[in-house]
Amino acid sequence: SSGNAGPVKVGAGSLIIDRGGGIASLAAGTTGRAGSVEVLATGNIDIFRGGIIDSSTVSSGDAGRVAVSAHNISIDGQKMITGIFSNTGKIGNVINSGNTGNAGNVVLTATGNLSVLEGGGITSSTYSSGHAGSVTVHASNIDMNGQGIPTGIFTDANQGSGNAGNLEVMATGGGSVRVANGGQISSSTWSSGNAGVVGVRAGSITIDGMGTGIFSNANQ
């Protein structure tokens, strides 16, 4: 369709999204735009096993901004596509590299800790000629452990000609960032689009394991 999706706002004390559940505003038609998605919890947010918070587009309309704020945030994919997304050219497993809409920016704030595990992701990437958005993540301590599966914080140019976005990760208050076993913080390109700028600030940073790290690569 050519109609636009509306914005989604959710407020809660705590929030659990599990087994494919989600909070989303998506543009899956021809020209319509996705809406913004804002999720605020005074306690914790837990996203498991295919759960999503998502504003993405596979149309000529743009995706929306995604903002998530809580005390502690845990994203545990358990080998499924799980996390917080604003992509262009991809919704779930569906890729449409012919779309032209841009992804939105993703902003995540945790006053406590953030963990991203086993396929979990925080992502604004492009699979088309549309551009990815920026990703900004602030938390006291940040732990990413892929357990051998690509996991982490991404704004990549995967297909098409669109550019990746910039990426900022900060462990507030001098906290720690730990990236292990396939975990990644990445703004890279596998296409004719450009990679973005990656900035990481923390009191301590640990990178442990092959295929693990902080990247801005041109892979083609």
N, C-alpha and C. Protein backbone atom coordinates (compact mmCIF):
# COMPACT_ATOMS: atom_id res chain seq x y z
N SER A 1 0.83 -1.19 0.00
CA SER A 1 0.00 0.00 0.00
C SER A 1 0.87 1.24 0.00
N SER A 2 0.23 2.42 -0.19
CA SER A 2 0.95 3.68 -0.15
C SER A 2 0.74 4.42 1.17
N GLY A 3 -0.08 3.87 2.06
CA GLY A 3 -0.32 4.50 3.35
C GLY A 3 0.87 4.36 4.28
N ASN A 4 0.96 5.29 5.25
CA ASN A 4 2.05 5.28 6.21
C ASN A 4 1.65 4.54 7.49
N ALA A 5 2.60 3.85 8.08
CA ALA A 5 2.38 3.28 9.41
C ALA A 5 2.48 4.39 10.45
N GLY A 6 1.86 4.19 11.57
CA GLY A 6 1.87 5.20 12.62
C GLY A 6 2.96 4.96 13.65
N PRO A 7 3.21 5.96 14.50
CA PRO A 7 4.20 5.78 15.57
C PRO A 7 3.68 4.84 16.65
N VAL A 8 4.61 4.21 17.35
CA VAL A 8 4.28 3.31 18.45
C VAL A 8 5.03 3.78 19.70
N LYS A 9 4.29 3.99 20.80
CA LYS A 9 4.90 4.38 22.07
C LYS A 9 4.44 3.41 23.16
N VAL A 10 5.40 2.85 23.89
CA VAL A 10 5.10 1.89 24.95
C VAL A 10 5.84 2.31 26.20
N GLY A 11 5.12 2.41 27.32
CA GLY A 11 5.73 2.67 28.62
C GLY A 11 5.35 1.59 29.60
N ALA A 12 6.31 1.15 30.42
CA ALA A 12 6.05 0.06 31.36
C ALA A 12 7.02 0.13 32.52
N GLY A 13 6.68 -0.57 33.62
CA GLY A 13 7.63 -0.74 34.69
C GLY A 13 8.75 -1.67 34.25
N SER A 14 8.37 -2.85 33.75
CA SER A 14 9.32 -3.79 33.15
C SER A 14 8.67 -4.39 31.91
N LEU A 15 9.51 -4.91 31.02
CA LEU A 15 9.01 -5.41 29.74
C LEU A 15 9.78 -6.65 29.35
N ILE A 16 9.05 -7.72 28.98
CA ILE A 16 9.64 -8.94 28.43
C ILE A 16 9.02 -9.18 27.06
N ILE A 17 9.87 -9.37 26.04
CA ILE A 17 9.42 -9.74 24.69
C ILE A 17 10.08 -11.06 24.35
N ASP A 18 9.29 -12.09 24.08
CA ASP A 18 9.84 -13.44 23.95
C ASP A 18 9.12 -14.20 22.83
N ARG A 19 9.79 -15.22 22.30
CA ARG A 19 9.23 -16.20 21.37
C ARG A 19 8.56 -15.56 20.16
N GLY A 20 9.28 -14.60 19.54
CA GLY A 20 8.79 -14.01 18.31
C GLY A 20 7.85 -12.84 18.49
N GLY A 21 7.57 -12.45 19.73
CA GLY A 21 6.74 -11.28 19.96
C GLY A 21 7.47 -10.00 19.60
N GLY A 22 6.72 -8.90 19.46
CA GLY A 22 7.40 -7.68 19.08
C GLY A 22 6.61 -6.41 19.28
N ILE A 23 7.33 -5.31 19.21
CA ILE A 23 6.77 -3.97 19.16
C ILE A 23 7.34 -3.35 17.90
N ALA A 24 6.48 -3.00 16.93
CA ALA A 24 7.01 -2.64 15.61
C ALA A 24 6.10 -1.69 14.87
N SER A 25 6.70 -0.89 13.99
CA SER A 25 6.00 -0.10 12.98
C SER A 25 6.78 -0.27 11.69
N LEU A 26 6.20 -0.98 10.72
CA LEU A 26 6.95 -1.43 9.55
C LEU A 26 6.36 -0.89 8.26
N ALA A 27 7.22 -0.67 7.27
CA ALA A 27 6.79 -0.28 5.93
C ALA A 27 7.09 -1.42 4.98
N ALA A 28 6.06 -2.22 4.70
CA ALA A 28 6.23 -3.40 3.85
C ALA A 28 5.47 -3.27 2.55
N GLY A 29 4.92 -2.08 2.24
CA GLY A 29 4.17 -1.88 1.01
C GLY A 29 5.04 -1.32 -0.09
N THR A 30 4.51 -0.37 -0.84
CA THR A 30 5.23 0.17 -1.99
C THR A 30 5.89 1.52 -1.70
N THR A 31 5.13 2.45 -1.09
CA THR A 31 5.67 3.79 -0.88
C THR A 31 5.50 4.30 0.54
N GLY A 32 4.79 3.60 1.38
CA GLY A 32 4.50 4.09 2.72
C GLY A 32 5.72 4.10 3.63
N ARG A 33 5.67 4.99 4.63
CA ARG A 33 6.74 5.10 5.63
C ARG A 33 6.38 4.31 6.88
N ALA A 34 7.41 3.80 7.55
CA ALA A 34 7.22 3.24 8.88
C ALA A 34 7.18 4.36 9.90
N GLY A 35 6.57 4.12 11.04
CA GLY A 35 6.52 5.11 12.10
C GLY A 35 7.66 4.94 13.08
N SER A 36 7.84 5.93 13.92
CA SER A 36 8.84 5.82 14.99
C SER A 36 8.35 4.84 16.06
N VAL A 37 9.30 4.27 16.79
CA VAL A 37 8.98 3.36 17.89
C VAL A 37 9.74 3.82 19.12
N GLU A 38 9.01 4.07 20.20
CA GLU A 38 9.61 4.53 21.45
C GLU A 38 9.17 3.61 22.58
N VAL A 39 10.14 3.04 23.29
CA VAL A 39 9.85 2.12 24.38
C VAL A 39 10.60 2.58 25.62
N LEU A 40 9.87 2.84 26.70
CA LEU A 40 10.46 3.33 27.95
C LEU A 40 10.01 2.44 29.09
N ALA A 41 10.97 1.88 29.83
CA ALA A 41 10.67 1.10 31.02
C ALA A 41 11.45 1.67 32.19
N THR A 42 10.80 1.82 33.32
CA THR A 42 11.50 2.29 34.51
C THR A 42 12.35 1.18 35.13
N GLY A 43 11.99 -0.07 34.86
CA GLY A 43 12.77 -1.21 35.31
C GLY A 43 13.60 -1.80 34.18
N ASN A 44 13.45 -3.10 33.94
CA ASN A 44 14.29 -3.80 32.97
C ASN A 44 13.51 -4.15 31.71
N ILE A 45 14.25 -4.24 30.59
CA ILE A 45 13.70 -4.77 29.34
C ILE A 45 14.49 -6.02 28.98
N ASP A 46 13.77 -7.12 28.75
CA ASP A 46 14.36 -8.39 28.34
C ASP A 46 13.75 -8.82 27.01
N ILE A 47 14.61 -9.06 26.02
CA ILE A 47 14.16 -9.45 24.69
C ILE A 47 14.82 -10.80 24.37
N PHE A 48 14.00 -11.84 24.17
CA PHE A 48 14.51 -13.20 24.02
C PHE A 48 13.97 -13.85 22.73
N ARG A 49 14.69 -14.82 22.20
CA ARG A 49 14.21 -15.85 21.25
C ARG A 49 13.29 -15.30 20.16
N GLY A 50 13.82 -14.38 19.34
CA GLY A 50 13.05 -13.86 18.23
C GLY A 50 12.23 -12.62 18.54
N GLY A 51 12.30 -12.12 19.76
CA GLY A 51 11.61 -10.89 20.09
C GLY A 51 12.24 -9.69 19.39
N ILE A 52 11.42 -8.69 19.03
CA ILE A 52 11.93 -7.53 18.31
C ILE A 52 11.30 -6.23 18.81
N ILE A 53 12.07 -5.16 18.72
CA ILE A 53 11.56 -3.79 18.72
C ILE A 53 12.07 -3.22 17.40
N ASP A 54 11.15 -2.79 16.50
CA ASP A 54 11.57 -2.64 15.11
C ASP A 54 10.78 -1.55 14.39
N SER A 55 11.49 -0.69 13.67
CA SER A 55 10.89 0.17 12.64
C SER A 55 11.76 0.06 11.41
N SER A 56 11.35 -0.77 10.46
CA SER A 56 12.15 -1.02 9.26
C SER A 56 11.30 -0.85 8.01
N THR A 57 11.98 -0.77 6.86
CA THR A 57 11.28 -0.57 5.60
C THR A 57 11.82 -1.47 4.50
N VAL A 58 10.90 -1.99 3.69
CA VAL A 58 11.27 -2.63 2.43
C VAL A 58 10.53 -1.95 1.30
N SER A 59 10.19 -0.68 1.48
CA SER A 59 9.48 0.11 0.48
C SER A 59 10.31 1.34 0.12
N SER A 60 9.74 2.24 -0.66
CA SER A 60 10.42 3.50 -0.96
C SER A 60 10.26 4.52 0.16
N GLY A 61 9.39 4.23 1.11
CA GLY A 61 9.26 5.10 2.28
C GLY A 61 10.33 4.79 3.32
N ASP A 62 10.62 5.77 4.15
CA ASP A 62 11.68 5.62 5.15
C ASP A 62 11.18 4.85 6.38
N ALA A 63 12.12 4.21 7.06
CA ALA A 63 11.85 3.65 8.38
C ALA A 63 11.84 4.78 9.40
N GLY A 64 11.41 4.48 10.62
CA GLY A 64 11.35 5.48 11.67
C GLY A 64 12.48 5.33 12.68
N ARG A 65 12.58 6.33 13.53
CA ARG A 65 13.54 6.31 14.64
C ARG A 65 13.08 5.33 15.70
N VAL A 66 14.03 4.61 16.29
CA VAL A 66 13.74 3.68 17.38
C VAL A 66 14.50 4.14 18.62
N ALA A 67 13.78 4.38 19.70
CA ALA A 67 14.39 4.82 20.96
C ALA A 67 13.94 3.88 22.07
N VAL A 68 14.91 3.32 22.80
CA VAL A 68 14.62 2.37 23.87
C VAL A 68 15.39 2.80 25.11
N SER A 69 14.69 2.89 26.25
CA SER A 69 15.31 3.33 27.49
C SER A 69 14.81 2.48 28.64
N ALA A 70 15.75 2.04 29.51
CA ALA A 70 15.38 1.22 30.67
C ALA A 70 16.54 1.23 31.65
N HIS A 71 16.35 0.51 32.76
CA HIS A 71 17.46 0.35 33.71
C HIS A 71 18.46 -0.66 33.15
N ASN A 72 18.14 -1.94 33.20
CA ASN A 72 18.96 -2.96 32.54
C ASN A 72 18.25 -3.43 31.27
N ILE A 73 19.03 -3.69 30.22
CA ILE A 73 18.48 -4.21 28.97
C ILE A 73 19.24 -5.47 28.60
N SER A 74 18.51 -6.56 28.38
CA SER A 74 19.12 -7.84 27.98
C SER A 74 18.50 -8.29 26.67
N ILE A 75 19.36 -8.61 25.69
CA ILE A 75 18.92 -9.13 24.39
C ILE A 75 19.62 -10.48 24.19
N ASP A 76 18.86 -11.55 24.25
CA ASP A 76 19.43 -12.90 24.16
C ASP A 76 18.73 -13.65 23.03
N GLY A 77 19.43 -13.76 21.88
CA GLY A 77 18.81 -14.34 20.70
C GLY A 77 18.61 -15.83 20.77
N GLN A 78 19.45 -16.52 21.52
CA GLN A 78 19.41 -17.98 21.55
C GLN A 78 19.33 -18.52 20.11
N LYS A 79 20.22 -17.96 19.26
CA LYS A 79 20.41 -18.35 17.86
C LYS A 79 19.27 -17.92 16.93
N MET A 80 18.43 -16.97 17.38
CA MET A 80 17.35 -16.44 16.55
C MET A 80 17.57 -14.94 16.33
N ILE A 81 16.97 -14.39 15.24
CA ILE A 81 17.04 -12.95 14.99
C ILE A 81 16.24 -12.23 16.06
N THR A 82 16.95 -11.49 16.88
CA THR A 82 16.35 -10.92 18.10
C THR A 82 16.98 -9.57 18.36
N GLY A 83 16.18 -8.56 18.71
CA GLY A 83 16.82 -7.32 19.11
C GLY A 83 16.04 -6.08 18.75
N ILE A 84 16.81 -5.01 18.52
CA ILE A 84 16.28 -3.67 18.30
C ILE A 84 16.78 -3.21 16.93
N PHE A 85 15.86 -2.89 16.00
CA PHE A 85 16.22 -2.70 14.61
C PHE A 85 15.55 -1.48 13.99
N SER A 86 16.27 -0.83 13.07
CA SER A 86 15.67 0.05 12.07
C SER A 86 16.50 -0.13 10.81
N ASN A 87 16.07 -1.05 9.96
CA ASN A 87 16.81 -1.41 8.76
C ASN A 87 16.08 -0.95 7.51
N THR A 88 16.80 -0.84 6.42
CA THR A 88 16.20 -0.66 5.11
C THR A 88 16.59 -1.81 4.20
N GLY A 89 15.58 -2.37 3.53
CA GLY A 89 15.80 -3.51 2.64
C GLY A 89 15.67 -4.85 3.33
N LYS A 90 15.36 -4.84 4.64
CA LYS A 90 15.26 -6.12 5.35
C LYS A 90 14.30 -6.00 6.53
N ILE A 91 13.32 -6.88 6.57
CA ILE A 91 12.45 -7.05 7.72
C ILE A 91 12.46 -8.52 8.08
N GLY A 92 12.96 -8.85 9.25
CA GLY A 92 13.11 -10.25 9.63
C GLY A 92 14.05 -10.95 8.67
N ASN A 93 13.57 -12.03 8.04
CA ASN A 93 14.37 -12.76 7.05
C ASN A 93 14.10 -12.31 5.62
N VAL A 94 13.21 -11.32 5.44
CA VAL A 94 12.81 -10.87 4.11
C VAL A 94 13.71 -9.73 3.67
N ILE A 95 14.38 -9.90 2.52
CA ILE A 95 15.26 -8.87 1.97
C ILE A 95 14.69 -8.39 0.64
N ASN A 96 14.61 -7.06 0.48
CA ASN A 96 14.20 -6.44 -0.78
C ASN A 96 15.25 -5.40 -1.13
N SER A 97 16.26 -5.80 -1.88
CA SER A 97 17.37 -4.90 -2.20
C SER A 97 16.97 -3.82 -3.19
N GLY A 98 15.74 -3.88 -3.74
CA GLY A 98 15.29 -2.89 -4.70
C GLY A 98 14.62 -1.68 -4.07
N ASN A 99 14.43 -1.68 -2.76
CA ASN A 99 13.75 -0.54 -2.14
C ASN A 99 14.70 0.64 -1.99
N THR A 100 14.13 1.83 -1.79
CA THR A 100 14.94 3.05 -1.75
C THR A 100 14.80 3.83 -0.44
N GLY A 101 13.94 3.40 0.44
CA GLY A 101 13.75 4.12 1.69
C GLY A 101 14.98 4.03 2.59
N ASN A 102 15.14 5.03 3.45
CA ASN A 102 16.26 5.05 4.40
C ASN A 102 15.86 4.43 5.73
N ALA A 103 16.83 3.81 6.40
CA ALA A 103 16.61 3.33 7.75
C ALA A 103 16.55 4.51 8.71
N GLY A 104 16.05 4.27 9.90
CA GLY A 104 16.02 5.30 10.92
C GLY A 104 17.19 5.17 11.89
N ASN A 105 17.34 6.16 12.75
CA ASN A 105 18.36 6.10 13.79
C ASN A 105 17.87 5.23 14.95
N VAL A 106 18.81 4.59 15.64
CA VAL A 106 18.51 3.78 16.81
C VAL A 106 19.24 4.37 18.01
N VAL A 107 18.50 4.63 19.08
CA VAL A 107 19.08 5.19 20.30
C VAL A 107 18.68 4.30 21.47
N LEU A 108 19.66 3.76 22.17
CA LEU A 108 19.41 2.91 23.33
C LEU A 108 20.12 3.50 24.54
N THR A 109 19.38 3.61 25.65
CA THR A 109 19.95 4.12 26.88
C THR A 109 19.59 3.19 28.03
N ALA A 110 20.59 2.67 28.71
CA ALA A 110 20.39 1.85 29.90
C ALA A 110 21.12 2.52 31.06
N THR A 111 20.39 2.88 32.10
CA THR A 111 21.05 3.47 33.27
C THR A 111 21.85 2.42 34.03
N GLY A 112 21.52 1.14 33.83
CA GLY A 112 22.29 0.04 34.39
C GLY A 112 23.12 -0.63 33.32
N ASN A 113 22.92 -1.93 33.14
CA ASN A 113 23.77 -2.73 32.26
C ASN A 113 23.03 -3.15 30.99
N LEU A 114 23.82 -3.36 29.93
CA LEU A 114 23.32 -3.89 28.67
C LEU A 114 24.06 -5.17 28.35
N SER A 115 23.30 -6.23 28.04
CA SER A 115 23.91 -7.47 27.55
C SER A 115 23.25 -7.87 26.24
N VAL A 116 24.09 -8.29 25.28
CA VAL A 116 23.63 -8.73 23.96
C VAL A 116 24.29 -10.08 23.70
N LEU A 117 23.47 -11.13 23.57
CA LEU A 117 23.99 -12.49 23.59
C LEU A 117 23.46 -13.32 22.42
N GLU A 118 24.28 -14.21 21.91
CA GLU A 118 23.94 -15.34 21.04
C GLU A 118 22.97 -14.99 19.92
N GLY A 119 23.39 -14.03 19.06
CA GLY A 119 22.58 -13.65 17.92
C GLY A 119 21.75 -12.40 18.13
N GLY A 120 21.78 -11.84 19.33
CA GLY A 120 21.08 -10.60 19.57
C GLY A 120 21.75 -9.44 18.86
N GLY A 121 20.96 -8.41 18.51
CA GLY A 121 21.53 -7.28 17.80
C GLY A 121 20.82 -5.97 18.09
N ILE A 122 21.58 -4.89 17.96
CA ILE A 122 21.06 -3.52 17.95
C ILE A 122 21.55 -2.95 16.62
N THR A 123 20.64 -2.69 15.68
CA THR A 123 21.05 -2.57 14.28
C THR A 123 20.27 -1.49 13.54
N SER A 124 20.99 -0.68 12.77
CA SER A 124 20.41 0.11 11.68
C SER A 124 21.30 -0.09 10.47
N SER A 125 20.89 -0.96 9.58
CA SER A 125 21.73 -1.34 8.44
C SER A 125 20.95 -1.23 7.14
N THR A 126 21.66 -1.28 6.03
CA THR A 126 21.04 -1.20 4.72
C THR A 126 21.37 -2.42 3.87
N TYR A 127 20.35 -2.89 3.15
CA TYR A 127 20.48 -3.97 2.18
C TYR A 127 20.03 -3.47 0.80
N SER A 128 20.04 -2.13 0.61
CA SER A 128 19.46 -1.53 -0.59
C SER A 128 20.19 -0.24 -0.92
N SER A 129 19.57 0.58 -1.79
CA SER A 129 20.14 1.89 -2.10
C SER A 129 19.80 2.93 -1.04
N GLY A 130 18.89 2.60 -0.13
CA GLY A 130 18.62 3.50 1.00
C GLY A 130 19.78 3.48 1.99
N HIS A 131 19.92 4.55 2.75
CA HIS A 131 21.01 4.66 3.71
C HIS A 131 20.61 4.13 5.08
N ALA A 132 21.58 3.52 5.77
CA ALA A 132 21.38 3.12 7.16
C ALA A 132 21.34 4.36 8.05
N GLY A 133 20.84 4.21 9.25
CA GLY A 133 20.84 5.29 10.22
C GLY A 133 22.01 5.16 11.19
N SER A 134 22.11 6.11 12.09
CA SER A 134 23.13 6.04 13.14
C SER A 134 22.61 5.18 14.29
N VAL A 135 23.55 4.62 15.06
CA VAL A 135 23.22 3.84 16.25
C VAL A 135 23.99 4.43 17.43
N THR A 136 23.26 4.78 18.49
CA THR A 136 23.86 5.35 19.69
C THR A 136 23.46 4.50 20.89
N VAL A 137 24.45 4.00 21.62
CA VAL A 137 24.19 3.13 22.76
C VAL A 137 24.95 3.65 23.97
N HIS A 138 24.22 3.94 25.05
CA HIS A 138 24.82 4.36 26.32
C HIS A 138 24.33 3.43 27.43
N ALA A 139 25.25 2.87 28.19
CA ALA A 139 24.91 2.03 29.33
C ALA A 139 26.08 2.04 30.30
N SER A 140 25.81 1.66 31.55
CA SER A 140 26.89 1.67 32.55
C SER A 140 27.96 0.63 32.22
N ASN A 141 27.53 -0.58 31.90
CA ASN A 141 28.43 -1.65 31.47
C ASN A 141 27.79 -2.37 30.30
N ILE A 142 28.61 -2.75 29.33
CA ILE A 142 28.10 -3.36 28.10
C ILE A 142 28.83 -4.68 27.87
N ASP A 143 28.05 -5.75 27.73
CA ASP A 143 28.62 -7.09 27.53
C ASP A 143 28.00 -7.71 26.29
N MET A 144 28.85 -8.10 25.32
CA MET A 144 28.38 -8.76 24.11
C MET A 144 29.11 -10.08 23.96
N ASN A 145 28.37 -11.16 23.92
CA ASN A 145 28.96 -12.49 23.81
C ASN A 145 28.19 -13.28 22.76
N GLY A 146 28.84 -13.48 21.60
CA GLY A 146 28.16 -14.14 20.49
C GLY A 146 28.03 -15.64 20.64
N GLN A 147 28.86 -16.24 21.50
CA GLN A 147 28.90 -17.70 21.61
C GLN A 147 29.01 -18.34 20.23
N GLY A 148 29.86 -17.70 19.38
CA GLY A 148 30.13 -18.21 18.05
C GLY A 148 29.20 -17.73 16.97
N ILE A 149 28.22 -16.87 17.31
CA ILE A 149 27.24 -16.36 16.36
C ILE A 149 27.39 -14.84 16.27
N PRO A 150 27.36 -14.24 15.05
CA PRO A 150 27.45 -12.78 14.96
C PRO A 150 26.41 -12.09 15.85
N THR A 151 26.90 -11.24 16.70
CA THR A 151 26.10 -10.66 17.77
C THR A 151 26.64 -9.27 18.07
N GLY A 152 25.77 -8.29 18.33
CA GLY A 152 26.32 -7.02 18.77
C GLY A 152 25.57 -5.81 18.30
N ILE A 153 26.34 -4.75 17.98
CA ILE A 153 25.81 -3.44 17.63
C ILE A 153 26.32 -3.12 16.23
N PHE A 154 25.38 -2.88 15.29
CA PHE A 154 25.75 -2.79 13.87
C PHE A 154 25.07 -1.61 13.19
N THR A 155 25.78 -0.95 12.30
CA THR A 155 25.18 -0.15 11.23
C THR A 155 26.03 -0.39 9.99
N ASP A 156 25.64 -1.43 9.23
CA ASP A 156 26.43 -1.93 8.12
C ASP A 156 25.73 -1.68 6.79
N ALA A 157 26.53 -1.62 5.72
CA ALA A 157 26.03 -1.60 4.35
C ALA A 157 26.24 -3.00 3.79
N ASN A 158 25.19 -3.82 3.76
CA ASN A 158 25.32 -5.22 3.42
C ASN A 158 25.12 -5.50 1.93
N GLN A 159 24.19 -4.77 1.30
CA GLN A 159 23.90 -4.93 -0.13
C GLN A 159 23.52 -3.57 -0.70
N GLY A 160 23.50 -3.47 -2.04
CA GLY A 160 23.06 -2.25 -2.69
C GLY A 160 24.11 -1.16 -2.63
N SER A 161 23.66 0.09 -2.73
CA SER A 161 24.57 1.23 -2.79
C SER A 161 24.44 2.18 -1.62
N GLY A 162 23.55 1.87 -0.68
CA GLY A 162 23.35 2.75 0.47
C GLY A 162 24.54 2.73 1.41
N ASN A 163 24.73 3.84 2.13
CA ASN A 163 25.84 3.96 3.08
C ASN A 163 25.44 3.44 4.46
N ALA A 164 26.42 2.89 5.17
CA ALA A 164 26.24 2.58 6.59
C ALA A 164 26.17 3.89 7.37
N GLY A 165 25.72 3.81 8.60
CA GLY A 165 25.65 4.99 9.46
C GLY A 165 26.82 5.06 10.42
N ASN A 166 26.82 6.08 11.26
CA ASN A 166 27.82 6.21 12.31
C ASN A 166 27.35 5.49 13.57
N LEU A 167 28.31 5.10 14.38
CA LEU A 167 28.01 4.28 15.55
C LEU A 167 28.74 4.84 16.76
N GLU A 168 28.00 5.06 17.83
CA GLU A 168 28.60 5.54 19.09
C GLU A 168 28.18 4.62 20.23
N VAL A 169 29.18 4.10 20.95
CA VAL A 169 28.94 3.24 22.10
C VAL A 169 29.69 3.83 23.28
N MET A 170 28.98 4.05 24.39
CA MET A 170 29.61 4.64 25.57
C MET A 170 29.20 3.87 26.82
N ALA A 171 30.22 3.44 27.59
CA ALA A 171 29.99 2.92 28.93
C ALA A 171 30.08 4.10 29.89
N THR A 172 28.95 4.53 30.37
CA THR A 172 28.90 5.74 31.16
C THR A 172 29.51 5.54 32.56
N GLY A 173 29.98 6.63 33.14
CA GLY A 173 30.54 6.55 34.49
C GLY A 173 31.82 5.75 34.58
N GLY A 174 32.55 5.64 33.46
CA GLY A 174 33.79 4.87 33.47
C GLY A 174 33.59 3.38 33.53
N GLY A 175 32.45 2.90 33.06
CA GLY A 175 32.14 1.47 33.08
C GLY A 175 32.91 0.70 32.02
N SER A 176 32.51 -0.55 31.82
CA SER A 176 33.28 -1.46 30.96
C SER A 176 32.50 -1.85 29.71
N VAL A 177 33.25 -2.16 28.65
CA VAL A 177 32.73 -2.77 27.44
C VAL A 177 33.47 -4.09 27.25
N ARG A 178 32.73 -5.17 27.14
CA ARG A 178 33.33 -6.49 26.90
C ARG A 178 32.70 -7.10 25.66
N VAL A 179 33.54 -7.50 24.70
CA VAL A 179 33.09 -8.08 23.44
C VAL A 179 33.79 -9.43 23.29
N ALA A 180 33.03 -10.53 23.19
CA ALA A 180 33.64 -11.85 23.22
C ALA A 180 32.93 -12.81 22.27
N ASN A 181 33.68 -13.81 21.80
CA ASN A 181 33.13 -14.99 21.11
C ASN A 181 32.23 -14.63 19.93
N GLY A 182 32.73 -13.75 19.05
CA GLY A 182 31.95 -13.36 17.89
C GLY A 182 31.14 -12.09 18.07
N GLY A 183 31.21 -11.49 19.23
CA GLY A 183 30.56 -10.20 19.43
C GLY A 183 31.24 -9.12 18.60
N GLN A 184 30.46 -8.15 18.12
CA GLN A 184 31.02 -7.10 17.26
C GLN A 184 30.35 -5.76 17.52
N ILE A 185 31.15 -4.71 17.38
CA ILE A 185 30.65 -3.35 17.24
C ILE A 185 31.14 -2.91 15.87
N SER A 186 30.21 -2.69 14.93
CA SER A 186 30.64 -2.60 13.53
C SER A 186 29.84 -1.59 12.73
N SER A 187 30.55 -0.75 11.99
CA SER A 187 29.99 0.00 10.87
C SER A 187 30.87 -0.31 9.67
N SER A 188 30.46 -1.29 8.88
CA SER A 188 31.29 -1.81 7.80
C SER A 188 30.47 -1.91 6.53
N THR A 189 31.16 -2.15 5.41
CA THR A 189 30.47 -2.26 4.13
C THR A 189 30.91 -3.52 3.38
N TRP A 190 29.92 -4.18 2.78
CA TRP A 190 30.14 -5.29 1.85
C TRP A 190 29.60 -4.91 0.48
N SER A 191 29.40 -3.62 0.23
CA SER A 191 28.75 -3.15 -0.99
C SER A 191 29.47 -1.92 -1.52
N SER A 192 28.85 -1.22 -2.48
CA SER A 192 29.44 0.01 -2.98
C SER A 192 29.19 1.20 -2.06
N GLY A 193 28.36 1.02 -1.04
CA GLY A 193 28.16 2.07 -0.05
C GLY A 193 29.33 2.19 0.90
N ASN A 194 29.42 3.32 1.58
CA ASN A 194 30.52 3.59 2.50
C ASN A 194 30.20 3.10 3.92
N ALA A 195 31.25 2.70 4.63
CA ALA A 195 31.14 2.43 6.06
C ALA A 195 31.06 3.75 6.81
N GLY A 196 30.70 3.69 8.07
CA GLY A 196 30.58 4.89 8.89
C GLY A 196 31.69 5.00 9.92
N VAL A 197 31.56 6.00 10.76
CA VAL A 197 32.52 6.26 11.85
C VAL A 197 32.08 5.49 13.09
N VAL A 198 33.04 4.84 13.75
CA VAL A 198 32.76 4.09 14.97
C VAL A 198 33.49 4.73 16.13
N GLY A 199 32.75 5.04 17.19
CA GLY A 199 33.35 5.59 18.39
C GLY A 199 32.93 4.79 19.61
N VAL A 200 33.90 4.36 20.42
CA VAL A 200 33.63 3.59 21.64
C VAL A 200 34.39 4.23 22.79
N ARG A 201 33.68 4.52 23.87
CA ARG A 201 34.30 5.11 25.04
C ARG A 201 33.91 4.32 26.28
N ALA A 202 34.92 4.00 27.11
CA ALA A 202 34.67 3.22 28.31
C ALA A 202 35.86 3.34 29.25
N GLY A 203 35.64 2.99 30.53
CA GLY A 203 36.75 2.92 31.45
C GLY A 203 37.68 1.77 31.13
N SER A 204 37.10 0.64 30.68
CA SER A 204 37.90 -0.51 30.24
C SER A 204 37.20 -1.20 29.09
N ILE A 205 38.00 -1.75 28.16
CA ILE A 205 37.47 -2.45 27.01
C ILE A 205 38.19 -3.79 26.90
N THR A 206 37.41 -4.88 26.78
CA THR A 206 37.97 -6.22 26.60
C THR A 206 37.43 -6.80 25.29
N ILE A 207 38.33 -7.28 24.44
CA ILE A 207 37.96 -7.94 23.18
C ILE A 207 38.58 -9.33 23.20
N ASP A 208 37.74 -10.37 23.13
CA ASP A 208 38.21 -11.73 23.37
C ASP A 208 37.61 -12.69 22.34
N GLY A 209 38.45 -13.21 21.42
CA GLY A 209 38.00 -14.25 20.51
C GLY A 209 38.16 -13.88 19.05
N MET A 210 38.32 -14.89 18.21
CA MET A 210 38.40 -14.71 16.77
C MET A 210 37.08 -14.16 16.22
N GLY A 211 37.17 -13.26 15.24
CA GLY A 211 35.98 -12.66 14.65
C GLY A 211 35.26 -11.71 15.58
N THR A 212 35.96 -11.27 16.58
CA THR A 212 35.39 -10.43 17.64
C THR A 212 36.08 -9.08 17.61
N GLY A 213 35.31 -7.99 17.79
CA GLY A 213 36.01 -6.72 17.86
C GLY A 213 35.18 -5.52 17.53
N ILE A 214 35.89 -4.41 17.26
CA ILE A 214 35.33 -3.11 16.92
C ILE A 214 35.81 -2.79 15.51
N PHE A 215 34.87 -2.64 14.56
CA PHE A 215 35.24 -2.62 13.15
C PHE A 215 34.63 -1.46 12.38
N SER A 216 35.39 -0.92 11.44
CA SER A 216 34.86 -0.14 10.32
C SER A 216 35.64 -0.60 9.10
N ASN A 217 35.12 -1.62 8.43
CA ASN A 217 35.83 -2.30 7.35
C ASN A 217 35.16 -2.08 6.01
N ALA A 218 35.98 -2.07 4.96
CA ALA A 218 35.50 -2.15 3.58
C ALA A 218 35.85 -3.55 3.08
N ASN A 219 34.83 -4.39 2.92
CA ASN A 219 35.05 -5.81 2.66
C ASN A 219 34.97 -6.17 1.19
N GLN A 220 34.66 -5.20 0.31
CA GLN A 220 34.69 -5.44 -1.12
C GLN A 220 35.39 -4.31 -1.82
